[in-house]
Amino acid sequence: MDAKLHLLKLSVGSESVEGLIDWQRNRSEQRIGGRYYHLTRMWPRRQAELLAGGSIFWVIQGLILARQRVLSLHEVTGQDGIRRCGLVLDAEVVRTEPVARRPFQGWRYLEAADAPADLGGARGGDADLPPSLMAALAEIGVR
């Protein structure tokens, strides 16, 4: 049995995987030990499973398009005094097969068996397609 568990999260404001990468590397000041962290209000209760090799899968423009491995969880206290969870992420953003996903708030658990596969080298050119075209292809089963 695979002990890995993943998170699913909307990348609000991102138009593309490149936009997500740009935000994390160049515009965000959220860093712990030099690594980008994504701030979330809720602490994952299933953290042991998540930290056993799990990733955060990013939904961009209605499609799961990429993932990043979750390296650790850190408590971050904001200026408002509220404690939150900082999901420290690997710098490598791995593109995945596009899978349509409806909007939701917060994050959701994603079982390893339900996670989309990473794009292989032969499918690497998919990254150049607009999200709307990738969504149409995913909808008809051509991924």
N, C-alpha and C. Protein backbone atom coordinates (compact mmCIF):
# COMPACT_ATOMS: atom_id res chain seq x y z
N MET A 1 0.84 -1.19 0.00
CA MET A 1 0.00 0.00 0.00
C MET A 1 0.88 1.24 0.00
N ASP A 2 0.56 2.19 -0.86
CA ASP A 2 1.31 3.43 -0.98
C ASP A 2 0.89 4.37 0.14
N ALA A 3 1.86 4.78 0.97
CA ALA A 3 1.56 5.64 2.10
C ALA A 3 1.52 7.11 1.70
N LYS A 4 1.92 7.41 0.47
CA LYS A 4 1.95 8.80 0.04
C LYS A 4 0.54 9.37 -0.07
N LEU A 5 0.46 10.63 0.28
CA LEU A 5 -0.77 11.40 0.16
C LEU A 5 -0.37 12.75 -0.41
N HIS A 6 -1.20 13.32 -1.23
CA HIS A 6 -0.91 14.59 -1.86
C HIS A 6 -1.96 15.62 -1.46
N LEU A 7 -1.67 16.87 -1.79
CA LEU A 7 -2.62 17.96 -1.63
C LEU A 7 -2.97 18.51 -3.01
N LEU A 8 -4.16 19.01 -3.13
CA LEU A 8 -4.64 19.64 -4.36
C LEU A 8 -4.97 21.08 -4.01
N LYS A 9 -4.44 22.04 -4.78
CA LYS A 9 -4.62 23.45 -4.45
C LYS A 9 -4.76 24.27 -5.72
N LEU A 10 -5.68 25.24 -5.71
CA LEU A 10 -5.80 26.18 -6.81
C LEU A 10 -4.63 27.16 -6.75
N SER A 11 -4.04 27.44 -7.88
CA SER A 11 -3.01 28.47 -7.96
C SER A 11 -3.70 29.74 -8.43
N VAL A 12 -4.29 30.45 -7.47
CA VAL A 12 -5.10 31.62 -7.77
C VAL A 12 -4.24 32.71 -8.39
N GLY A 13 -4.69 33.23 -9.51
CA GLY A 13 -3.97 34.30 -10.19
C GLY A 13 -2.98 33.83 -11.22
N SER A 14 -2.65 32.54 -11.23
CA SER A 14 -1.70 32.03 -12.21
C SER A 14 -2.41 31.77 -13.54
N GLU A 15 -1.79 32.24 -14.60
CA GLU A 15 -2.32 32.00 -15.94
C GLU A 15 -1.69 30.75 -16.56
N SER A 16 -0.52 30.35 -16.01
CA SER A 16 0.23 29.24 -16.58
C SER A 16 1.18 28.69 -15.52
N VAL A 17 1.81 27.56 -15.85
CA VAL A 17 2.82 26.99 -14.96
C VAL A 17 3.99 27.97 -14.84
N GLU A 18 4.33 28.63 -15.94
CA GLU A 18 5.42 29.61 -15.91
C GLU A 18 5.10 30.75 -14.95
N GLY A 19 3.84 31.17 -14.91
CA GLY A 19 3.43 32.23 -13.98
C GLY A 19 3.57 31.79 -12.53
N LEU A 20 3.23 30.54 -12.25
CA LEU A 20 3.40 29.99 -10.90
C LEU A 20 4.88 29.98 -10.52
N ILE A 21 5.73 29.52 -11.43
CA ILE A 21 7.17 29.47 -11.18
C ILE A 21 7.72 30.87 -10.95
N ASP A 22 7.32 31.81 -11.79
CA ASP A 22 7.78 33.19 -11.66
C ASP A 22 7.40 33.76 -10.30
N TRP A 23 6.17 33.54 -9.88
CA TRP A 23 5.71 34.05 -8.59
C TRP A 23 6.58 33.49 -7.46
N GLN A 24 6.78 32.18 -7.46
CA GLN A 24 7.52 31.56 -6.38
C GLN A 24 8.99 31.99 -6.36
N ARG A 25 9.60 32.11 -7.51
CA ARG A 25 11.04 32.39 -7.56
C ARG A 25 11.38 33.87 -7.50
N ASN A 26 10.55 34.72 -8.07
CA ASN A 26 10.94 36.11 -8.23
C ASN A 26 10.09 37.13 -7.50
N ARG A 27 8.86 36.80 -7.18
CA ARG A 27 7.99 37.83 -6.61
C ARG A 27 7.57 37.56 -5.18
N SER A 28 7.58 36.33 -4.76
CA SER A 28 7.15 36.01 -3.40
C SER A 28 8.31 36.15 -2.42
N GLU A 29 8.01 36.70 -1.27
CA GLU A 29 9.01 36.83 -0.20
C GLU A 29 8.86 35.72 0.83
N GLN A 30 7.98 34.77 0.57
CA GLN A 30 7.75 33.68 1.52
C GLN A 30 8.86 32.66 1.40
N ARG A 31 9.80 32.69 2.34
CA ARG A 31 10.96 31.79 2.33
C ARG A 31 11.23 31.28 3.74
N ILE A 32 11.55 30.00 3.80
CA ILE A 32 12.05 29.36 5.02
C ILE A 32 13.30 28.61 4.60
N GLY A 33 14.43 28.94 5.18
CA GLY A 33 15.69 28.30 4.80
C GLY A 33 16.01 28.45 3.33
N GLY A 34 15.62 29.57 2.73
CA GLY A 34 15.88 29.83 1.32
C GLY A 34 14.89 29.17 0.37
N ARG A 35 13.94 28.40 0.90
CA ARG A 35 12.95 27.70 0.06
C ARG A 35 11.59 28.39 0.15
N TYR A 36 10.89 28.41 -1.00
CA TYR A 36 9.53 28.97 -1.03
C TYR A 36 8.60 28.12 -0.18
N TYR A 37 7.70 28.77 0.54
CA TYR A 37 6.64 28.05 1.22
C TYR A 37 5.30 28.64 0.83
N HIS A 38 4.32 27.78 0.75
CA HIS A 38 2.95 28.21 0.47
C HIS A 38 2.22 28.26 1.80
N LEU A 39 1.61 29.38 2.08
CA LEU A 39 0.93 29.59 3.36
C LEU A 39 -0.52 29.16 3.27
N THR A 40 -0.95 28.36 4.23
CA THR A 40 -2.33 27.90 4.28
C THR A 40 -2.84 28.01 5.71
N ARG A 41 -4.11 28.25 5.83
CA ARG A 41 -4.71 28.46 7.15
C ARG A 41 -4.77 27.18 7.98
N MET A 42 -5.06 26.08 7.32
CA MET A 42 -5.25 24.82 8.03
C MET A 42 -3.99 23.95 7.99
N TRP A 43 -3.74 23.26 9.09
CA TRP A 43 -2.61 22.33 9.18
C TRP A 43 -3.10 20.95 8.75
N PRO A 44 -2.43 20.29 7.80
CA PRO A 44 -2.87 18.95 7.37
C PRO A 44 -2.82 17.95 8.54
N ARG A 45 -3.92 17.33 8.83
CA ARG A 45 -3.96 16.33 9.91
C ARG A 45 -3.22 15.06 9.54
N ARG A 46 -3.13 14.81 8.25
CA ARG A 46 -2.47 13.59 7.76
C ARG A 46 -1.04 13.91 7.33
N GLN A 47 -0.34 14.67 8.15
CA GLN A 47 0.98 15.16 7.77
C GLN A 47 2.00 14.05 7.58
N ALA A 48 1.94 12.97 8.34
CA ALA A 48 2.91 11.88 8.18
C ALA A 48 2.82 11.29 6.77
N GLU A 49 1.60 11.10 6.27
CA GLU A 49 1.42 10.57 4.92
C GLU A 49 1.89 11.58 3.87
N LEU A 50 1.60 12.85 4.11
CA LEU A 50 2.00 13.90 3.18
C LEU A 50 3.53 14.00 3.09
N LEU A 51 4.20 13.90 4.24
CA LEU A 51 5.65 14.04 4.27
C LEU A 51 6.38 12.76 3.87
N ALA A 52 5.65 11.71 3.53
CA ALA A 52 6.25 10.46 3.06
C ALA A 52 6.44 10.49 1.55
N GLY A 53 6.71 11.66 0.99
CA GLY A 53 6.94 11.79 -0.45
C GLY A 53 5.79 12.43 -1.20
N GLY A 54 4.85 13.05 -0.49
CA GLY A 54 3.70 13.67 -1.13
C GLY A 54 4.04 14.99 -1.80
N SER A 55 3.15 15.43 -2.66
CA SER A 55 3.31 16.67 -3.42
C SER A 55 2.07 17.53 -3.28
N ILE A 56 2.21 18.79 -3.64
CA ILE A 56 1.05 19.65 -3.82
C ILE A 56 0.83 19.74 -5.33
N PHE A 57 -0.37 19.40 -5.76
CA PHE A 57 -0.73 19.45 -7.18
C PHE A 57 -1.46 20.76 -7.42
N TRP A 58 -0.97 21.51 -8.39
CA TRP A 58 -1.50 22.85 -8.67
C TRP A 58 -2.56 22.81 -9.77
N VAL A 59 -3.71 23.42 -9.48
CA VAL A 59 -4.78 23.60 -10.45
C VAL A 59 -4.63 25.01 -11.01
N ILE A 60 -4.42 25.10 -12.32
CA ILE A 60 -4.23 26.38 -13.00
C ILE A 60 -5.24 26.46 -14.13
N GLN A 61 -6.07 27.49 -14.10
CA GLN A 61 -7.07 27.68 -15.14
C GLN A 61 -7.96 26.45 -15.31
N GLY A 62 -8.35 25.82 -14.19
CA GLY A 62 -9.26 24.68 -14.23
C GLY A 62 -8.64 23.34 -14.53
N LEU A 63 -7.30 23.28 -14.59
CA LEU A 63 -6.62 22.02 -14.89
C LEU A 63 -5.50 21.77 -13.88
N ILE A 64 -5.37 20.52 -13.45
CA ILE A 64 -4.16 20.15 -12.71
C ILE A 64 -3.06 20.11 -13.76
N LEU A 65 -2.01 20.93 -13.58
CA LEU A 65 -0.96 21.03 -14.59
C LEU A 65 0.44 20.77 -14.05
N ALA A 66 0.60 20.83 -12.73
CA ALA A 66 1.95 20.69 -12.18
C ALA A 66 1.88 20.24 -10.73
N ARG A 67 3.05 19.82 -10.24
CA ARG A 67 3.15 19.44 -8.84
C ARG A 67 4.52 19.82 -8.30
N GLN A 68 4.57 19.96 -6.98
CA GLN A 68 5.83 20.18 -6.28
C GLN A 68 5.82 19.32 -5.04
N ARG A 69 6.95 18.70 -4.76
CA ARG A 69 7.06 17.86 -3.57
C ARG A 69 7.01 18.73 -2.32
N VAL A 70 6.29 18.26 -1.32
CA VAL A 70 6.22 18.95 -0.03
C VAL A 70 7.38 18.42 0.81
N LEU A 71 8.28 19.32 1.21
CA LEU A 71 9.47 18.93 1.95
C LEU A 71 9.26 18.93 3.46
N SER A 72 8.52 19.92 3.95
CA SER A 72 8.27 20.02 5.38
C SER A 72 7.11 20.97 5.64
N LEU A 73 6.66 20.97 6.88
CA LEU A 73 5.61 21.88 7.33
C LEU A 73 6.18 22.72 8.46
N HIS A 74 5.94 24.01 8.40
CA HIS A 74 6.44 24.91 9.45
C HIS A 74 5.32 25.81 9.93
N GLU A 75 5.27 26.03 11.22
CA GLU A 75 4.31 26.97 11.77
C GLU A 75 4.79 28.38 11.48
N VAL A 76 3.90 29.20 10.92
CA VAL A 76 4.22 30.58 10.60
C VAL A 76 3.17 31.45 11.28
N THR A 77 3.63 32.37 12.11
CA THR A 77 2.71 33.29 12.80
C THR A 77 2.73 34.62 12.06
N GLY A 78 1.56 35.05 11.62
CA GLY A 78 1.45 36.29 10.87
C GLY A 78 1.49 37.51 11.77
N GLN A 79 1.53 38.67 11.16
CA GLN A 79 1.51 39.91 11.91
C GLN A 79 0.24 40.07 12.72
N ASP A 80 -0.80 39.35 12.31
CA ASP A 80 -2.07 39.38 13.04
C ASP A 80 -2.08 38.44 14.24
N GLY A 81 -0.97 37.71 14.46
CA GLY A 81 -0.86 36.79 15.58
C GLY A 81 -1.47 35.42 15.34
N ILE A 82 -2.01 35.20 14.16
CA ILE A 82 -2.65 33.92 13.84
C ILE A 82 -1.60 32.95 13.31
N ARG A 83 -1.62 31.72 13.86
CA ARG A 83 -0.69 30.68 13.42
C ARG A 83 -1.25 29.99 12.18
N ARG A 84 -0.38 29.79 11.20
CA ARG A 84 -0.75 29.13 9.95
C ARG A 84 0.31 28.09 9.60
N CYS A 85 0.03 27.32 8.55
CA CYS A 85 0.95 26.27 8.11
C CYS A 85 1.69 26.73 6.86
N GLY A 86 3.01 26.68 6.93
CA GLY A 86 3.84 26.95 5.76
C GLY A 86 4.27 25.64 5.14
N LEU A 87 3.77 25.35 3.94
CA LEU A 87 4.14 24.14 3.22
C LEU A 87 5.42 24.44 2.45
N VAL A 88 6.55 23.94 2.93
CA VAL A 88 7.83 24.19 2.28
C VAL A 88 7.93 23.25 1.08
N LEU A 89 8.17 23.85 -0.10
CA LEU A 89 8.10 23.10 -1.35
C LEU A 89 9.46 22.98 -2.03
N ASP A 90 9.65 21.86 -2.71
CA ASP A 90 10.83 21.66 -3.54
C ASP A 90 10.82 22.71 -4.64
N ALA A 91 11.97 23.20 -5.04
CA ALA A 91 12.05 24.21 -6.09
C ALA A 91 11.63 23.66 -7.45
N GLU A 92 11.77 22.34 -7.65
CA GLU A 92 11.42 21.75 -8.95
C GLU A 92 9.90 21.67 -9.10
N VAL A 93 9.41 22.26 -10.18
CA VAL A 93 7.99 22.18 -10.53
C VAL A 93 7.88 21.16 -11.66
N VAL A 94 7.17 20.07 -11.39
CA VAL A 94 7.04 18.97 -12.34
C VAL A 94 5.69 19.08 -13.04
N ARG A 95 5.73 19.16 -14.36
CA ARG A 95 4.48 19.21 -15.13
C ARG A 95 3.80 17.84 -15.11
N THR A 96 2.49 17.88 -15.06
CA THR A 96 1.70 16.64 -15.02
C THR A 96 0.76 16.58 -16.22
N GLU A 97 0.19 15.42 -16.41
CA GLU A 97 -0.86 15.31 -17.42
C GLU A 97 -2.00 16.23 -16.98
N PRO A 98 -2.59 16.96 -17.91
CA PRO A 98 -3.67 17.87 -17.53
C PRO A 98 -4.94 17.09 -17.16
N VAL A 99 -5.51 17.46 -16.02
CA VAL A 99 -6.76 16.85 -15.57
C VAL A 99 -7.68 17.98 -15.12
N ALA A 100 -8.88 18.01 -15.68
CA ALA A 100 -9.84 19.07 -15.34
C ALA A 100 -10.27 18.96 -13.88
N ARG A 101 -10.43 20.11 -13.23
CA ARG A 101 -10.84 20.16 -11.83
C ARG A 101 -11.69 21.41 -11.62
N ARG A 102 -12.83 21.24 -10.99
CA ARG A 102 -13.72 22.37 -10.70
C ARG A 102 -13.12 23.22 -9.57
N PRO A 103 -13.49 24.49 -9.51
CA PRO A 103 -12.98 25.35 -8.44
C PRO A 103 -13.42 24.87 -7.05
N PHE A 104 -12.60 25.14 -6.06
CA PHE A 104 -12.90 24.82 -4.67
C PHE A 104 -12.10 25.77 -3.81
N GLN A 105 -12.44 25.84 -2.54
CA GLN A 105 -11.71 26.71 -1.63
C GLN A 105 -10.73 25.90 -0.80
N GLY A 106 -9.64 26.54 -0.42
CA GLY A 106 -8.65 25.86 0.42
C GLY A 106 -7.88 24.82 -0.37
N TRP A 107 -7.58 23.71 0.29
CA TRP A 107 -6.91 22.60 -0.38
C TRP A 107 -7.68 21.33 -0.08
N ARG A 108 -7.41 20.32 -0.84
CA ARG A 108 -8.04 19.00 -0.67
C ARG A 108 -6.95 17.95 -0.64
N TYR A 109 -7.22 16.86 0.05
CA TYR A 109 -6.32 15.71 -0.03
C TYR A 109 -6.52 15.05 -1.39
N LEU A 110 -5.45 14.50 -1.93
CA LEU A 110 -5.48 13.78 -3.19
C LEU A 110 -4.73 12.48 -2.97
N GLU A 111 -5.46 11.38 -3.06
CA GLU A 111 -4.84 10.06 -2.87
C GLU A 111 -3.87 9.79 -4.01
N ALA A 112 -2.80 9.08 -3.72
CA ALA A 112 -1.77 8.79 -4.72
C ALA A 112 -2.37 8.11 -5.95
N ALA A 113 -3.33 7.23 -5.75
CA ALA A 113 -3.93 6.51 -6.87
C ALA A 113 -4.71 7.43 -7.81
N ASP A 114 -5.15 8.60 -7.31
CA ASP A 114 -5.93 9.54 -8.11
C ASP A 114 -5.10 10.66 -8.71
N ALA A 115 -3.82 10.69 -8.41
CA ALA A 115 -2.95 11.78 -8.88
C ALA A 115 -2.59 11.58 -10.35
N PRO A 116 -2.59 12.66 -11.13
CA PRO A 116 -2.19 12.54 -12.53
C PRO A 116 -0.70 12.22 -12.64
N ALA A 117 -0.36 11.55 -13.71
CA ALA A 117 1.04 11.16 -13.96
C ALA A 117 1.86 12.37 -14.39
N ASP A 118 3.14 12.29 -14.13
CA ASP A 118 4.06 13.31 -14.61
C ASP A 118 4.13 13.22 -16.13
N LEU A 119 4.34 14.37 -16.77
CA LEU A 119 4.53 14.36 -18.22
C LEU A 119 5.92 13.84 -18.51
N GLY A 120 6.01 12.89 -19.40
CA GLY A 120 7.31 12.36 -19.80
C GLY A 120 7.94 13.26 -20.85
N GLY A 121 9.16 12.94 -21.22
CA GLY A 121 9.88 13.73 -22.23
C GLY A 121 9.13 13.82 -23.54
N ALA A 122 8.45 12.73 -23.93
CA ALA A 122 7.74 12.73 -25.21
C ALA A 122 6.56 13.69 -25.18
N ARG A 123 6.03 13.98 -23.99
CA ARG A 123 4.88 14.87 -23.87
C ARG A 123 5.28 16.25 -23.38
N GLY A 124 6.57 16.50 -23.26
CA GLY A 124 7.03 17.78 -22.74
C GLY A 124 6.55 18.97 -23.54
N GLY A 125 6.28 18.80 -24.82
CA GLY A 125 5.79 19.88 -25.65
C GLY A 125 4.40 20.34 -25.26
N ASP A 126 3.68 19.54 -24.47
CA ASP A 126 2.35 19.94 -24.02
C ASP A 126 2.41 21.24 -23.23
N ALA A 127 3.55 21.53 -22.63
CA ALA A 127 3.68 22.74 -21.82
C ALA A 127 3.47 23.99 -22.67
N ASP A 128 3.68 23.88 -23.97
CA ASP A 128 3.55 25.03 -24.85
C ASP A 128 2.10 25.28 -25.28
N LEU A 129 1.21 24.36 -24.99
CA LEU A 129 -0.18 24.52 -25.38
C LEU A 129 -0.91 25.43 -24.40
N PRO A 130 -1.85 26.24 -24.89
CA PRO A 130 -2.64 27.07 -23.98
C PRO A 130 -3.51 26.18 -23.08
N PRO A 131 -3.75 26.62 -21.83
CA PRO A 131 -4.57 25.81 -20.91
C PRO A 131 -5.94 25.45 -21.48
N SER A 132 -6.56 26.35 -22.25
CA SER A 132 -7.89 26.05 -22.80
C SER A 132 -7.82 24.87 -23.78
N LEU A 133 -6.75 24.79 -24.57
CA LEU A 133 -6.58 23.67 -25.50
C LEU A 133 -6.28 22.38 -24.73
N MET A 134 -5.45 22.47 -23.69
CA MET A 134 -5.17 21.29 -22.87
C MET A 134 -6.46 20.78 -22.21
N ALA A 135 -7.32 21.71 -21.77
CA ALA A 135 -8.58 21.32 -21.15
C ALA A 135 -9.47 20.60 -22.15
N ALA A 136 -9.55 21.12 -23.38
CA ALA A 136 -10.36 20.48 -24.42
C ALA A 136 -9.83 19.09 -24.74
N LEU A 137 -8.51 18.94 -24.83
CA LEU A 137 -7.93 17.64 -25.12
C LEU A 137 -8.19 16.67 -23.96
N ALA A 138 -8.06 17.15 -22.73
CA ALA A 138 -8.31 16.29 -21.57
C ALA A 138 -9.77 15.86 -21.52
N GLU A 139 -10.68 16.76 -21.89
CA GLU A 139 -12.10 16.46 -21.85
C GLU A 139 -12.47 15.34 -22.81
N ILE A 140 -11.81 15.27 -23.97
CA ILE A 140 -12.13 14.21 -24.93
C ILE A 140 -11.21 13.00 -24.79
N GLY A 141 -10.37 13.03 -23.75
CA GLY A 141 -9.53 11.87 -23.46
C GLY A 141 -8.22 11.82 -24.21
N VAL A 142 -7.81 12.91 -24.83
CA VAL A 142 -6.55 12.96 -25.54
C VAL A 142 -5.58 13.79 -24.69
N ARG A 143 -4.85 13.12 -23.83
CA ARG A 143 -3.95 13.85 -22.92
C ARG A 143 -2.55 13.55 -23.27
